[in-house]
């Protein structure tokens, strides 16, 4: 279970909440929505949600890697990227 501490960055006199996120088997779209929502909470309420955001990012990254390894996603050669940017 991923744990993140929510606390305002402006004042330490506010109450802190220990937030525990259970393991979810969300789809990639669900994880993307959760990521966006956590970013929204972070900026709107100036809370420290880095632990939760990092966990969701890691899960999204692992899904992207799986899709690439399985050939489900189109891949681009690094040499082609560099050539398109004029680096070679």
N, C-alpha and C. Protein backbone atom coordinates (compact mmCIF):
# COMPACT_ATOMS: atom_id res chain seq x y z
N UNK A 1 0.84 -1.17 0.00
CA UNK A 1 0.00 0.00 0.00
C UNK A 1 0.89 1.24 0.00
N UNK A 2 0.67 2.13 -0.97
CA UNK A 2 1.45 3.36 -1.09
C UNK A 2 0.91 4.37 -0.09
N UNK A 3 1.79 5.03 0.64
CA UNK A 3 1.40 6.03 1.63
C UNK A 3 1.96 7.37 1.24
N UNK A 4 1.14 8.39 1.35
CA UNK A 4 1.59 9.75 1.07
C UNK A 4 1.07 10.65 2.17
N UNK A 5 1.85 11.63 2.53
CA UNK A 5 1.47 12.57 3.58
C UNK A 5 0.96 13.84 2.93
N UNK A 6 -0.24 14.24 3.29
CA UNK A 6 -0.81 15.47 2.76
C UNK A 6 -0.61 16.55 3.80
N UNK A 7 0.10 17.58 3.40
CA UNK A 7 0.29 18.71 4.31
C UNK A 7 0.43 19.98 3.50
N UNK A 8 -0.14 21.07 3.96
CA UNK A 8 -0.02 22.32 3.24
C UNK A 8 1.41 22.83 3.29
N UNK A 9 1.86 23.43 2.21
CA UNK A 9 3.22 23.95 2.18
C UNK A 9 3.30 25.37 2.73
N UNK A 10 2.16 26.03 2.86
CA UNK A 10 2.15 27.41 3.33
C UNK A 10 2.28 27.53 4.85
N UNK A 11 1.58 26.68 5.57
CA UNK A 11 1.55 26.82 7.02
C UNK A 11 1.64 25.45 7.68
N UNK A 12 2.46 25.36 8.70
CA UNK A 12 2.59 24.09 9.40
C UNK A 12 1.59 23.97 10.55
N UNK A 13 0.73 24.96 10.72
CA UNK A 13 -0.25 24.89 11.80
C UNK A 13 -1.48 24.10 11.38
N UNK A 14 -1.62 23.80 10.11
CA UNK A 14 -2.75 23.02 9.62
C UNK A 14 -2.59 21.56 10.03
N UNK A 15 -3.67 20.82 9.96
CA UNK A 15 -3.63 19.39 10.28
C UNK A 15 -3.03 18.61 9.12
N UNK A 16 -2.32 17.54 9.44
CA UNK A 16 -1.77 16.66 8.43
C UNK A 16 -2.64 15.41 8.36
N UNK A 17 -2.79 14.88 7.16
CA UNK A 17 -3.59 13.69 6.94
C UNK A 17 -2.69 12.63 6.34
N UNK A 18 -2.70 11.44 6.92
CA UNK A 18 -1.95 10.32 6.37
C UNK A 18 -2.86 9.61 5.38
N UNK A 19 -2.51 9.66 4.12
CA UNK A 19 -3.34 9.10 3.06
C UNK A 19 -2.72 7.80 2.58
N UNK A 20 -3.47 6.73 2.62
CA UNK A 20 -2.97 5.45 2.14
C UNK A 20 -3.76 5.08 0.89
N UNK A 21 -3.02 4.83 -0.18
CA UNK A 21 -3.64 4.45 -1.43
C UNK A 21 -3.54 2.94 -1.60
N UNK A 22 -4.67 2.26 -1.66
CA UNK A 22 -4.62 0.82 -1.88
C UNK A 22 -4.18 0.52 -3.31
N UNK A 23 -3.77 -0.70 -3.56
CA UNK A 23 -3.39 -1.10 -4.91
C UNK A 23 -4.65 -1.22 -5.75
N UNK A 24 -4.67 -0.49 -6.84
CA UNK A 24 -5.80 -0.53 -7.76
C UNK A 24 -5.34 -1.20 -9.05
N UNK A 25 -6.24 -1.88 -9.69
CA UNK A 25 -5.98 -2.41 -11.02
C UNK A 25 -6.74 -1.54 -12.01
N UNK A 26 -6.25 -0.32 -12.18
CA UNK A 26 -6.89 0.63 -13.07
C UNK A 26 -6.37 0.47 -14.48
N UNK A 27 -7.19 0.85 -15.43
CA UNK A 27 -6.75 0.89 -16.81
C UNK A 27 -5.79 2.06 -16.97
N UNK A 28 -5.15 2.12 -18.12
CA UNK A 28 -4.23 3.23 -18.37
C UNK A 28 -4.97 4.57 -18.35
N UNK A 29 -6.18 4.58 -18.89
CA UNK A 29 -6.98 5.82 -18.87
C UNK A 29 -7.35 6.21 -17.44
N UNK A 30 -7.68 5.23 -16.62
CA UNK A 30 -8.01 5.50 -15.22
C UNK A 30 -6.82 6.04 -14.45
N UNK A 31 -5.64 5.45 -14.71
CA UNK A 31 -4.43 5.93 -14.06
C UNK A 31 -4.10 7.36 -14.50
N UNK A 32 -4.32 7.65 -15.78
CA UNK A 32 -4.06 9.00 -16.28
C UNK A 32 -5.00 10.01 -15.62
N UNK A 33 -6.25 9.63 -15.43
CA UNK A 33 -7.20 10.51 -14.74
C UNK A 33 -6.80 10.72 -13.28
N UNK A 34 -6.38 9.64 -12.63
CA UNK A 34 -5.93 9.74 -11.24
C UNK A 34 -4.71 10.65 -11.14
N UNK A 35 -3.78 10.51 -12.06
CA UNK A 35 -2.58 11.34 -12.10
C UNK A 35 -2.97 12.83 -12.23
N UNK A 36 -3.87 13.11 -13.15
CA UNK A 36 -4.33 14.49 -13.35
C UNK A 36 -5.01 15.03 -12.11
N UNK A 37 -5.83 14.22 -11.46
CA UNK A 37 -6.53 14.64 -10.25
C UNK A 37 -5.55 14.92 -9.11
N UNK A 38 -4.55 14.07 -8.96
CA UNK A 38 -3.55 14.29 -7.91
C UNK A 38 -2.75 15.57 -8.17
N UNK A 39 -2.43 15.83 -9.43
CA UNK A 39 -1.74 17.07 -9.78
C UNK A 39 -2.62 18.27 -9.44
N UNK A 40 -3.91 18.16 -9.74
CA UNK A 40 -4.87 19.23 -9.43
C UNK A 40 -4.89 19.51 -7.92
N UNK A 41 -5.00 18.44 -7.13
CA UNK A 41 -5.02 18.60 -5.67
C UNK A 41 -3.73 19.23 -5.17
N UNK A 42 -2.62 18.79 -5.74
CA UNK A 42 -1.31 19.31 -5.33
C UNK A 42 -1.23 20.82 -5.53
N UNK A 43 -1.64 21.29 -6.68
CA UNK A 43 -1.50 22.71 -6.98
C UNK A 43 -2.62 23.56 -6.37
N UNK A 44 -3.84 23.03 -6.34
CA UNK A 44 -4.94 23.82 -5.78
C UNK A 44 -4.80 24.01 -4.28
N UNK A 45 -4.45 22.93 -3.57
CA UNK A 45 -4.38 22.99 -2.12
C UNK A 45 -2.96 23.06 -1.59
N UNK A 46 -1.98 23.13 -2.50
CA UNK A 46 -0.57 23.22 -2.12
C UNK A 46 -0.18 22.11 -1.13
N UNK A 47 -0.52 20.89 -1.52
CA UNK A 47 -0.23 19.74 -0.68
C UNK A 47 0.94 18.95 -1.25
N UNK A 48 1.57 18.17 -0.40
CA UNK A 48 2.68 17.32 -0.81
C UNK A 48 2.14 15.95 -1.17
N UNK A 49 1.94 15.71 -2.45
CA UNK A 49 1.43 14.43 -2.92
C UNK A 49 2.46 13.72 -3.80
N UNK A 50 3.73 14.09 -3.65
CA UNK A 50 4.76 13.53 -4.52
C UNK A 50 4.84 12.01 -4.46
N UNK A 51 4.66 11.43 -3.29
CA UNK A 51 4.72 9.96 -3.17
C UNK A 51 3.64 9.29 -4.00
N UNK A 52 2.43 9.81 -3.91
CA UNK A 52 1.31 9.23 -4.67
C UNK A 52 1.49 9.48 -6.16
N UNK A 53 1.92 10.69 -6.52
CA UNK A 53 2.12 11.03 -7.93
C UNK A 53 3.21 10.17 -8.53
N UNK A 54 4.30 9.98 -7.80
CA UNK A 54 5.40 9.13 -8.28
C UNK A 54 4.93 7.69 -8.50
N UNK A 55 4.10 7.18 -7.60
CA UNK A 55 3.61 5.80 -7.72
C UNK A 55 2.76 5.64 -8.98
N UNK A 56 1.91 6.63 -9.25
CA UNK A 56 1.06 6.56 -10.44
C UNK A 56 1.92 6.70 -11.70
N UNK A 57 2.91 7.58 -11.67
CA UNK A 57 3.82 7.74 -12.81
C UNK A 57 4.56 6.44 -13.12
N UNK A 58 5.03 5.77 -12.08
CA UNK A 58 5.74 4.50 -12.27
C UNK A 58 4.83 3.46 -12.91
N UNK A 59 3.58 3.41 -12.47
CA UNK A 59 2.63 2.45 -13.03
C UNK A 59 2.34 2.77 -14.50
N UNK A 60 2.17 4.06 -14.80
CA UNK A 60 1.95 4.46 -16.19
C UNK A 60 3.16 4.13 -17.06
N UNK A 61 4.35 4.38 -16.53
CA UNK A 61 5.58 4.07 -17.27
C UNK A 61 5.70 2.57 -17.54
N UNK A 62 5.37 1.75 -16.55
CA UNK A 62 5.48 0.31 -16.75
C UNK A 62 4.47 -0.18 -17.79
N UNK A 63 3.28 0.42 -17.83
CA UNK A 63 2.30 0.05 -18.85
C UNK A 63 2.79 0.44 -20.25
N UNK A 64 3.41 1.60 -20.37
CA UNK A 64 3.96 2.04 -21.65
C UNK A 64 5.08 1.11 -22.10
N UNK A 65 5.93 0.70 -21.16
CA UNK A 65 7.02 -0.23 -21.50
C UNK A 65 6.47 -1.57 -21.97
N UNK A 66 5.45 -2.08 -21.28
CA UNK A 66 4.84 -3.35 -21.67
C UNK A 66 4.27 -3.27 -23.08
N UNK A 67 3.59 -2.16 -23.38
CA UNK A 67 3.01 -2.01 -24.71
C UNK A 67 4.10 -1.96 -25.77
N UNK A 68 5.19 -1.27 -25.48
CA UNK A 68 6.28 -1.19 -26.44
C UNK A 68 6.95 -2.54 -26.65
N UNK A 69 7.18 -3.26 -25.56
CA UNK A 69 7.83 -4.57 -25.66
C UNK A 69 6.96 -5.58 -26.38
N UNK A 70 5.65 -5.47 -26.24
CA UNK A 70 4.74 -6.40 -26.89
C UNK A 70 4.46 -6.01 -28.33
N UNK A 71 5.01 -4.90 -28.76
CA UNK A 71 4.79 -4.46 -30.13
C UNK A 71 3.43 -3.83 -30.35
N UNK A 72 2.73 -3.50 -29.28
CA UNK A 72 1.40 -2.91 -29.40
C UNK A 72 1.46 -1.44 -29.75
N UNK A 73 2.58 -0.82 -29.53
CA UNK A 73 2.74 0.61 -29.82
C UNK A 73 3.83 0.79 -30.86
N UNK A 74 3.63 1.77 -31.72
CA UNK A 74 4.66 2.10 -32.70
C UNK A 74 5.86 2.70 -32.00
N UNK A 75 7.04 2.27 -32.38
CA UNK A 75 8.26 2.82 -31.79
C UNK A 75 9.04 3.58 -32.85
N UNK A 76 9.86 4.50 -32.41
CA UNK A 76 10.67 5.32 -33.30
C UNK A 76 12.13 5.13 -32.89
N UNK A 77 12.97 4.91 -33.86
CA UNK A 77 14.40 4.73 -33.58
C UNK A 77 14.99 6.04 -33.08
N UNK A 78 15.89 5.94 -32.10
CA UNK A 78 16.53 7.13 -31.53
C UNK A 78 17.31 7.89 -32.61
N UNK A 79 17.92 7.16 -33.54
CA UNK A 79 18.66 7.82 -34.62
C UNK A 79 17.73 8.67 -35.48
N UNK A 80 16.51 8.22 -35.68
CA UNK A 80 15.53 9.00 -36.46
C UNK A 80 15.12 10.25 -35.70
N UNK A 81 14.95 10.14 -34.39
CA UNK A 81 14.61 11.31 -33.57
C UNK A 81 15.71 12.34 -33.66
N UNK A 82 16.96 11.90 -33.52
CA UNK A 82 18.10 12.81 -33.59
C UNK A 82 18.19 13.46 -34.97
N UNK A 83 17.93 12.68 -36.01
CA UNK A 83 17.97 13.22 -37.36
C UNK A 83 16.87 14.26 -37.57
N UNK A 84 15.68 14.00 -37.06
CA UNK A 84 14.57 14.95 -37.17
C UNK A 84 14.87 16.24 -36.44
N UNK A 85 15.63 16.16 -35.37
CA UNK A 85 16.00 17.35 -34.60
C UNK A 85 17.25 18.04 -35.15
N UNK A 86 17.85 17.44 -36.16
CA UNK A 86 19.05 18.02 -36.76
C UNK A 86 20.29 17.84 -35.93
N UNK A 87 20.32 16.81 -35.10
CA UNK A 87 21.47 16.58 -34.22
C UNK A 87 22.53 15.69 -34.86
N UNK A 88 22.23 15.10 -36.01
CA UNK A 88 23.22 14.25 -36.69
C UNK A 88 23.39 14.71 -38.13
